[in-house]
Amino acid sequence: MKNLILLIDGKINGKYLEYFNINNYKMIFIPENKNLQKPINSHTDMNCCKINETIFCDENIYDLIKNINYNIIKGESKLQKNYPFDIAYNAAFVGKFLFCNKKYAEPKILEYAEKYNISIIDVKQGYTKCSMIVLNKNNIITSDIGIYNKCKNLKINSLFVTNKNVKLNGYNNGFICGCAFVTDNELIFTGDITKHNDYFKIIEFCDNINFKIKFIENCDLYDFGSPIIL
């Protein structure tokens, strides 16, 4: 992997930052969004959503990413600190499906889905992308049982895992899906996935679909908000 662009939490530091520097990522750091709660206000999945070659983003980061080689669309949602008014961009695209809490999703994301015949799957879990690792159009890992059941009904191969042992300052735990991102056939964790309760389940699941796992050794699994690889 060379010169891949990574949209990632601007608060990343220490061994985590060193790891991505060593592996030649070009990082774009998401700044703090004053309209969101401080522990998560620079999380990628709270500020933007990627569908195909299009990124929908909050006005807070539009100027930061508008010149990258993607179709960048500034959303119209006005984010607020309290749930559910913070989840407009927290949607997950899986093949021909868009998972989100439809009532509070960014309207331009919904319009795009309808325009391109992407089926909108309405879920109760507002932090939808936080709760889903999308490996490809046929395979996902989720920490939400409602999402897991919907994926099963849609014939999407799914693995249900726990959020335990995932760190996020200010919370009892973060989301395991917030500390992972995917490129090609690799699943990369921001932390040591071998310390997670469901490590062996994840390894088996990924082996079955020919996915490799990479991770940062001897580091806590930390939720940086579902970094996006471009």
C-alpha atoms as a PDB file:
ATOM      1  CA  MET A   1       0.000   0.000   0.000  1.00  0.00           C
ATOM      2  CA  LYS A   2       1.590   3.277  -1.085  1.00  0.00           C
ATOM      3  CA  ASN A   3       0.398   6.846  -0.776  1.00  0.00           C
ATOM      4  CA  LEU A   4      -3.110   5.861   0.215  1.00  0.00           C
ATOM      5  CA  ILE A   5      -5.144   8.722   1.639  1.00  0.00           C
ATOM      6  CA  LEU A   6      -6.591   8.112   5.079  1.00  0.00           C
ATOM      7  CA  LEU A   7      -9.276  10.354   6.584  1.00  0.00           C
ATOM      8  CA  ILE A   8      -8.762   9.947  10.301  1.00  0.00           C
ATOM      9  CA  ASP A   9      -9.474  11.481  13.699  1.00  0.00           C
ATOM     10  CA  GLY A  10      -7.254  14.519  14.243  1.00  0.00           C
ATOM     11  CA  LYS A  11      -6.646  13.416  17.827  1.00  0.00           C
ATOM     12  CA  ILE A  12      -4.671  10.345  16.782  1.00  0.00           C
ATOM     13  CA  ASN A  13      -1.241  10.252  18.403  1.00  0.00           C
ATOM     14  CA  GLY A  14       1.528   8.070  19.810  1.00  0.00           C
ATOM     15  CA  LYS A  15       2.089   4.581  18.419  1.00  0.00           C
ATOM     16  CA  TYR A  16      -1.084   4.810  16.352  1.00  0.00           C
ATOM     17  CA  LEU A  17       0.186   7.805  14.410  1.00  0.00           C
ATOM     18  CA  GLU A  18       3.652   6.295  14.125  1.00  0.00           C
ATOM     19  CA  TYR A  19       2.207   3.137  12.578  1.00  0.00           C
ATOM     20  CA  PHE A  20       0.441   4.971   9.756  1.00  0.00           C
ATOM     21  CA  ASN A  21       3.467   7.175   9.121  1.00  0.00           C
ATOM     22  CA  ILE A  22       5.697   4.114   8.808  1.00  0.00           C
ATOM     23  CA  ASN A  23       3.250   2.546   6.334  1.00  0.00           C
ATOM     24  CA  ASN A  24       3.272   5.609   4.049  1.00  0.00           C
ATOM     25  CA  TYR A  25      -0.293   6.764   4.441  1.00  0.00           C
ATOM     26  CA  LYS A  26      -1.113  10.297   3.423  1.00  0.00           C
ATOM     27  CA  MET A  27      -3.290  11.335   6.332  1.00  0.00           C
ATOM     28  CA  ILE A  28      -5.956  14.006   6.352  1.00  0.00           C
ATOM     29  CA  PHE A  29      -6.786  14.808   9.955  1.00  0.00           C
ATOM     30  CA  ILE A  30     -10.422  15.515  10.765  1.00  0.00           C
ATOM     31  CA  PRO A  31     -10.589  18.624  12.981  1.00  0.00           C
ATOM     32  CA  GLU A  32     -12.758  18.992  16.040  1.00  0.00           C
ATOM     33  CA  ASN A  33     -16.347  19.864  15.219  1.00  0.00           C
ATOM     34  CA  LYS A  34     -17.658  22.271  17.838  1.00  0.00           C
ATOM     35  CA  ASN A  35     -21.207  21.047  17.223  1.00  0.00           C
ATOM     36  CA  LEU A  36     -20.435  17.508  18.460  1.00  0.00           C
ATOM     37  CA  GLN A  37     -19.462  15.981  21.794  1.00  0.00           C
ATOM     38  CA  LYS A  38     -15.747  16.432  22.397  1.00  0.00           C
ATOM     39  CA  PRO A  39     -14.628  12.760  22.611  1.00  0.00           C
ATOM     40  CA  ILE A  40     -16.111  12.007  19.167  1.00  0.00           C
ATOM     41  CA  ASN A  41     -16.154  15.400  17.479  1.00  0.00           C
ATOM     42  CA  SER A  42     -13.238  14.600  15.158  1.00  0.00           C
ATOM     43  CA  HIS A  43     -14.372  11.067  14.315  1.00  0.00           C
ATOM     44  CA  THR A  44     -14.572  10.396  10.603  1.00  0.00           C
ATOM     45  CA  ASP A  45     -17.912   8.591  10.814  1.00  0.00           C
ATOM     46  CA  MET A  46     -19.495  11.524  12.658  1.00  0.00           C
ATOM     47  CA  ASN A  47     -18.400  14.031  10.020  1.00  0.00           C
ATOM     48  CA  CYS A  48     -18.599  12.248   6.685  1.00  0.00           C
ATOM     49  CA  CYS A  49     -19.907   9.263   4.735  1.00  0.00           C
ATOM     50  CA  LYS A  50     -18.416   7.565   1.659  1.00  0.00           C
ATOM     51  CA  ILE A  51     -20.569   5.924  -1.022  1.00  0.00           C
ATOM     52  CA  ASN A  52     -18.731   4.724  -4.121  1.00  0.00           C
ATOM     53  CA  GLU A  53     -16.560   7.651  -5.284  1.00  0.00           C
ATOM     54  CA  THR A  54     -18.634  10.254  -3.450  1.00  0.00           C
ATOM     55  CA  ILE A  55     -18.076  11.656   0.020  1.00  0.00           C
ATOM     56  CA  PHE A  56     -20.802  13.512   1.885  1.00  0.00           C
ATOM     57  CA  CYS A  57     -19.467  15.725   4.645  1.00  0.00           C
ATOM     58  CA  ASP A  58     -20.364  18.269   7.257  1.00  0.00           C
ATOM     59  CA  GLU A  59     -19.570  21.894   6.473  1.00  0.00           C
ATOM     60  CA  ASN A  60     -16.928  21.694   9.215  1.00  0.00           C
ATOM     61  CA  ILE A  61     -14.597  19.659   6.990  1.00  0.00           C
ATOM     62  CA  TYR A  62     -15.738  20.544   3.474  1.00  0.00           C
ATOM     63  CA  ASP A  63     -12.917  23.017   2.797  1.00  0.00           C
ATOM     64  CA  LEU A  64     -10.386  20.510   4.117  1.00  0.00           C
ATOM     65  CA  ILE A  65     -11.257  17.771   1.626  1.00  0.00           C
ATOM     66  CA  LYS A  66     -12.972  19.550  -1.274  1.00  0.00           C
ATOM     67  CA  ASN A  67      -9.893  19.358  -3.507  1.00  0.00           C
ATOM     68  CA  ILE A  68      -9.139  15.651  -3.227  1.00  0.00           C
ATOM     69  CA  ASN A  69      -9.903  13.524  -6.277  1.00  0.00           C
ATOM     70  CA  TYR A  70     -13.399  12.561  -5.192  1.00  0.00           C
ATOM     71  CA  ASN A  71     -16.893  13.900  -5.635  1.00  0.00           C
ATOM     72  CA  ILE A  72     -17.279  15.891  -2.411  1.00  0.00           C
ATOM     73  CA  ILE A  73     -20.785  16.971  -1.406  1.00  0.00           C
ATOM     74  CA  LYS A  74     -21.392  19.365   1.474  1.00  0.00           C
ATOM     75  CA  GLY A  75     -24.370  18.227   3.515  1.00  0.00           C
ATOM     76  CA  GLU A  76     -27.216  20.409   4.700  1.00  0.00           C
ATOM     77  CA  SER A  77     -27.656  18.843   8.143  1.00  0.00           C
ATOM     78  CA  LYS A  78     -26.932  20.981  11.193  1.00  0.00           C
ATOM     79  CA  LEU A  79     -25.207  18.653  13.627  1.00  0.00           C
ATOM     80  CA  GLN A  80     -25.881  18.950  17.348  1.00  0.00           C
ATOM     81  CA  LYS A  81     -24.142  17.523  20.406  1.00  0.00           C
ATOM     82  CA  ASN A  82     -26.936  15.254  21.579  1.00  0.00           C
ATOM     83  CA  TYR A  83     -28.178  12.008  20.026  1.00  0.00           C
ATOM     84  CA  PRO A  84     -29.917  11.562  17.609  1.00  0.00           C
ATOM     85  CA  PHE A  85     -29.024  14.945  16.126  1.00  0.00           C
ATOM     86  CA  ASP A  86     -25.375  13.936  15.732  1.00  0.00           C
ATOM     87  CA  ILE A  87     -25.814  10.944  13.412  1.00  0.00           C
ATOM     88  CA  ALA A  88     -26.565  12.507  10.012  1.00  0.00           C
ATOM     89  CA  TYR A  89     -23.428  11.071   8.369  1.00  0.00           C
ATOM     90  CA  ASN A  90     -23.267   7.825  10.327  1.00  0.00           C
ATOM     91  CA  ALA A  91     -24.412   5.580   7.492  1.00  0.00           C
ATOM     92  CA  ALA A  92     -22.874   2.450   5.959  1.00  0.00           C
ATOM     93  CA  PHE A  93     -22.885   1.504   2.274  1.00  0.00           C
ATOM     94  CA  VAL A  94     -22.899  -2.238   1.512  1.00  0.00           C
ATOM     95  CA  GLY A  95     -23.158  -3.201  -2.147  1.00  0.00           C
ATOM     96  CA  LYS A  96     -26.648  -2.130  -3.214  1.00  0.00           C
ATOM     97  CA  PHE A  97     -27.759  -1.221   0.318  1.00  0.00           C
ATOM     98  CA  LEU A  98     -27.442   1.860   2.520  1.00  0.00           C
ATOM     99  CA  PHE A  99     -27.822   1.210   6.245  1.00  0.00           C
ATOM    100  CA  CYS A 100     -28.833   4.188   8.382  1.00  0.00           C
ATOM    101  CA  ASN A 101     -31.354   5.580  10.807  1.00  0.00           C
ATOM    102  CA  LYS A 102     -33.379   7.119   8.015  1.00  0.00           C
ATOM    103  CA  LYS A 103     -35.233   9.707  10.096  1.00  0.00           C
ATOM    104  CA  TYR A 104     -32.023  11.528  11.041  1.00  0.00           C
ATOM    105  CA  ALA A 105     -29.791  10.784   8.038  1.00  0.00           C
ATOM    106  CA  GLU A 106     -28.347  13.555   5.868  1.00  0.00           C
ATOM    107  CA  PRO A 107     -30.965  14.281   3.164  1.00  0.00           C
ATOM    108  CA  LYS A 108     -28.387  14.437   0.371  1.00  0.00           C
ATOM    109  CA  ILE A 109     -27.222  10.928   1.249  1.00  0.00           C
ATOM    110  CA  LEU A 110     -30.788   9.665   0.987  1.00  0.00           C
ATOM    111  CA  GLU A 111     -31.309  11.526  -2.290  1.00  0.00           C
ATOM    112  CA  TYR A 112     -28.159   9.944  -3.734  1.00  0.00           C
ATOM    113  CA  ALA A 113     -29.296   6.479  -2.677  1.00  0.00           C
ATOM    114  CA  GLU A 114     -32.673   6.935  -4.311  1.00  0.00           C
ATOM    115  CA  LYS A 115     -31.128   8.377  -7.507  1.00  0.00           C
ATOM    116  CA  TYR A 116     -28.780   5.408  -7.937  1.00  0.00           C
ATOM    117  CA  ASN A 117     -31.255   2.707  -6.884  1.00  0.00           C
ATOM    118  CA  ILE A 118     -29.502   1.948  -3.601  1.00  0.00           C
ATOM    119  CA  SER A 119     -31.972   0.361  -1.191  1.00  0.00           C
ATOM    120  CA  ILE A 120     -32.204   2.241   2.096  1.00  0.00           C
ATOM    121  CA  ILE A 121     -32.220  -0.129   5.083  1.00  0.00           C
ATOM    122  CA  ASP A 122     -33.669   1.716   8.066  1.00  0.00           C
ATOM    123  CA  VAL A 123     -32.134   0.585  11.377  1.00  0.00           C
ATOM    124  CA  LYS A 124     -32.684   1.608  14.993  1.00  0.00           C
ATOM    125  CA  GLN A 125     -28.972   1.937  15.686  1.00  0.00           C
ATOM    126  CA  GLY A 126     -28.182   5.576  14.912  1.00  0.00           C
ATOM    127  CA  TYR A 127     -24.442   5.024  15.111  1.00  0.00           C
ATOM    128  CA  THR A 128     -24.732   2.731  12.124  1.00  0.00           C
ATOM    129  CA  LYS A 129     -21.260   3.077  10.604  1.00  0.00           C
ATOM    130  CA  CYS A 130     -19.718   2.905  14.088  1.00  0.00           C
ATOM    131  CA  SER A 131     -21.387  -0.498  14.299  1.00  0.00           C
ATOM    132  CA  MET A 132     -20.384  -1.955  10.911  1.00  0.00           C
ATOM    133  CA  ILE A 133     -17.120  -2.975   9.292  1.00  0.00           C
ATOM    134  CA  VAL A 134     -17.940  -3.250   5.594  1.00  0.00           C
ATOM    135  CA  LEU A 135     -15.418  -5.686   4.141  1.00  0.00           C
ATOM    136  CA  ASN A 136     -17.028  -5.734   0.699  1.00  0.00           C
ATOM    137  CA  LYS A 137     -20.486  -5.842  -0.863  1.00  0.00           C
ATOM    138  CA  ASN A 138     -21.147  -9.337   0.506  1.00  0.00           C
ATOM    139  CA  ASN A 139     -19.466  -9.412   3.929  1.00  0.00           C
ATOM    140  CA  ILE A 140     -19.718  -7.314   7.074  1.00  0.00           C
ATOM    141  CA  ILE A 141     -18.801  -7.445  10.752  1.00  0.00           C
ATOM    142  CA  THR A 142     -21.168  -5.747  13.190  1.00  0.00           C
ATOM    143  CA  SER A 143     -21.520  -5.121  16.897  1.00  0.00           C
ATOM    144  CA  ASP A 144     -25.264  -4.444  16.666  1.00  0.00           C
ATOM    145  CA  ILE A 145     -27.662  -7.385  16.819  1.00  0.00           C
ATOM    146  CA  GLY A 146     -30.403  -5.523  14.945  1.00  0.00           C
ATOM    147  CA  ILE A 147     -28.055  -4.776  12.048  1.00  0.00           C
ATOM    148  CA  TYR A 148     -26.798  -8.359  12.162  1.00  0.00           C
ATOM    149  CA  ASN A 149     -30.323  -9.740  11.791  1.00  0.00           C
ATOM    150  CA  LYS A 150     -31.173  -7.381   8.933  1.00  0.00           C
ATOM    151  CA  CYS A 151     -27.997  -8.381   7.104  1.00  0.00           C
ATOM    152  CA  LYS A 152     -28.849 -12.035   7.524  1.00  0.00           C
ATOM    153  CA  ASN A 153     -32.291 -11.418   6.037  1.00  0.00           C
ATOM    154  CA  LEU A 154     -30.634  -9.667   3.090  1.00  0.00           C
ATOM    155  CA  LYS A 155     -28.269 -12.632   2.561  1.00  0.00           C
ATOM    156  CA  ILE A 156     -25.232 -10.546   3.519  1.00  0.00           C
ATOM    157  CA  ASN A 157     -22.605 -12.745   5.183  1.00  0.00           C
ATOM    158  CA  SER A 158     -22.274 -11.326   8.698  1.00  0.00           C
ATOM    159  CA  LEU A 159     -20.341 -11.779  11.919  1.00  0.00           C
ATOM    160  CA  PHE A 160     -21.626 -10.467  15.252  1.00  0.00           C
ATOM    161  CA  VAL A 161     -18.961  -9.295  17.721  1.00  0.00           C
ATOM    162  CA  THR A 162     -18.739  -7.463  21.037  1.00  0.00           C
ATOM    163  CA  ASN A 163     -17.533  -3.927  21.703  1.00  0.00           C
ATOM    164  CA  LYS A 164     -15.780  -4.973  24.907  1.00  0.00           C
ATOM    165  CA  ASN A 165     -12.098  -4.042  25.274  1.00  0.00           C
ATOM    166  CA  VAL A 166     -12.370  -1.121  22.852  1.00  0.00           C
ATOM    167  CA  LYS A 167     -11.182   2.168  24.342  1.00  0.00           C
ATOM    168  CA  LEU A 168     -12.784   5.578  23.828  1.00  0.00           C
ATOM    169  CA  ASN A 169     -12.081   8.440  26.195  1.00  0.00           C
ATOM    170  CA  GLY A 170     -15.167   9.569  28.100  1.00  0.00           C
ATOM    171  CA  TYR A 171     -17.109   6.338  27.478  1.00  0.00           C
ATOM    172  CA  ASN A 172     -17.196   2.866  29.015  1.00  0.00           C
ATOM    173  CA  ASN A 173     -16.112   1.544  25.643  1.00  0.00           C
ATOM    174  CA  GLY A 174     -16.005   2.489  21.977  1.00  0.00           C
ATOM    175  CA  PHE A 175     -17.183   0.554  18.949  1.00  0.00           C
ATOM    176  CA  ILE A 176     -14.939  -2.168  17.532  1.00  0.00           C
ATOM    177  CA  CYS A 177     -16.025  -1.048  14.078  1.00  0.00           C
ATOM    178  CA  GLY A 178     -14.753   2.428  14.905  1.00  0.00           C
ATOM    179  CA  CYS A 179     -11.221   1.094  15.229  1.00  0.00           C
ATOM    180  CA  ALA A 180     -11.069  -0.607  11.841  1.00  0.00           C
ATOM    181  CA  PHE A 181     -10.959   0.180   8.145  1.00  0.00           C
ATOM    182  CA  VAL A 182     -10.656  -1.778   4.923  1.00  0.00           C
ATOM    183  CA  THR A 183      -8.468  -1.543   1.844  1.00  0.00           C
ATOM    184  CA  ASP A 184      -8.504  -4.098  -0.967  1.00  0.00           C
ATOM    185  CA  ASN A 185      -8.553  -7.462   0.852  1.00  0.00           C
ATOM    186  CA  GLU A 186      -7.101  -6.216   4.133  1.00  0.00           C
ATOM    187  CA  LEU A 187      -8.807  -5.397   7.406  1.00  0.00           C
ATOM    188  CA  ILE A 188      -6.700  -2.986   9.446  1.00  0.00           C
ATOM    189  CA  PHE A 189      -7.253  -2.339  13.166  1.00  0.00           C
ATOM    190  CA  THR A 190      -6.111   0.696  15.139  1.00  0.00           C
ATOM    191  CA  GLY A 191      -4.838  -1.433  17.984  1.00  0.00           C
ATOM    192  CA  ASP A 192      -4.054  -5.007  18.924  1.00  0.00           C
ATOM    193  CA  ILE A 193      -7.015  -7.116  17.824  1.00  0.00           C
ATOM    194  CA  THR A 194      -5.439 -10.227  19.399  1.00  0.00           C
ATOM    195  CA  LYS A 195      -6.542  -8.825  22.776  1.00  0.00           C
ATOM    196  CA  HIS A 196     -10.208  -8.709  21.736  1.00  0.00           C
ATOM    197  CA  ASN A 197     -12.708 -11.268  23.051  1.00  0.00           C
ATOM    198  CA  ASP A 198     -13.809 -12.257  19.543  1.00  0.00           C
ATOM    199  CA  TYR A 199     -10.371 -12.318  17.933  1.00  0.00           C
ATOM    200  CA  PHE A 200     -10.546 -15.960  16.859  1.00  0.00           C
ATOM    201  CA  LYS A 201     -14.048 -15.514  15.426  1.00  0.00           C
ATOM    202  CA  ILE A 202     -12.818 -12.514  13.422  1.00  0.00           C
ATOM    203  CA  ILE A 203      -9.764 -14.415  12.166  1.00  0.00           C
ATOM    204  CA  GLU A 204     -11.894 -17.365  11.046  1.00  0.00           C
ATOM    205  CA  PHE A 205     -14.451 -15.126   9.360  1.00  0.00           C
ATOM    206  CA  CYS A 206     -11.757 -13.227   7.462  1.00  0.00           C
ATOM    207  CA  ASP A 207      -9.891 -16.388   6.488  1.00  0.00           C
ATOM    208  CA  ASN A 208     -13.062 -17.769   4.942  1.00  0.00           C
ATOM    209  CA  ILE A 209     -13.348 -14.785   2.599  1.00  0.00           C
ATOM    210  CA  ASN A 210      -9.598 -14.458   1.938  1.00  0.00           C
ATOM    211  CA  PHE A 211      -9.143 -11.281   3.945  1.00  0.00           C
ATOM    212  CA  LYS A 212      -5.874 -10.518   5.689  1.00  0.00           C
ATOM    213  CA  ILE A 213      -5.781  -8.808   9.072  1.00  0.00           C
ATOM    214  CA  LYS A 214      -3.270  -6.145  10.057  1.00  0.00           C
ATOM    215  CA  PHE A 215      -3.064  -4.399  13.406  1.00  0.00           C
ATOM    216  CA  ILE A 216      -0.893  -2.281  15.691  1.00  0.00           C
ATOM    217  CA  GLU A 217       0.811  -4.605  18.151  1.00  0.00           C
ATOM    218  CA  ASN A 218       0.856  -3.912  21.886  1.00  0.00           C
ATOM    219  CA  CYS A 219      -1.596  -1.018  21.585  1.00  0.00           C
ATOM    220  CA  ASP A 220      -5.085  -0.737  23.008  1.00  0.00           C
ATOM    221  CA  LEU A 221      -7.851  -1.077  20.449  1.00  0.00           C
ATOM    222  CA  TYR A 222      -8.963   2.538  20.200  1.00  0.00           C
ATOM    223  CA  ASP A 223     -12.064   3.874  18.483  1.00  0.00           C
ATOM    224  CA  PHE A 224     -10.946   6.604  16.067  1.00  0.00           C
ATOM    225  CA  GLY A 225     -14.307   6.688  14.312  1.00  0.00           C
ATOM    226  CA  SER A 226     -14.127   4.334  11.330  1.00  0.00           C
ATOM    227  CA  PRO A 227     -11.253   5.901   9.359  1.00  0.00           C
ATOM    228  CA  ILE A 228     -11.918   6.105   5.612  1.00  0.00           C
ATOM    229  CA  ILE A 229      -9.335   4.947   3.075  1.00  0.00           C
ATOM    230  CA  LEU A 230      -9.328   6.573  -0.359  1.00  0.00           C
END
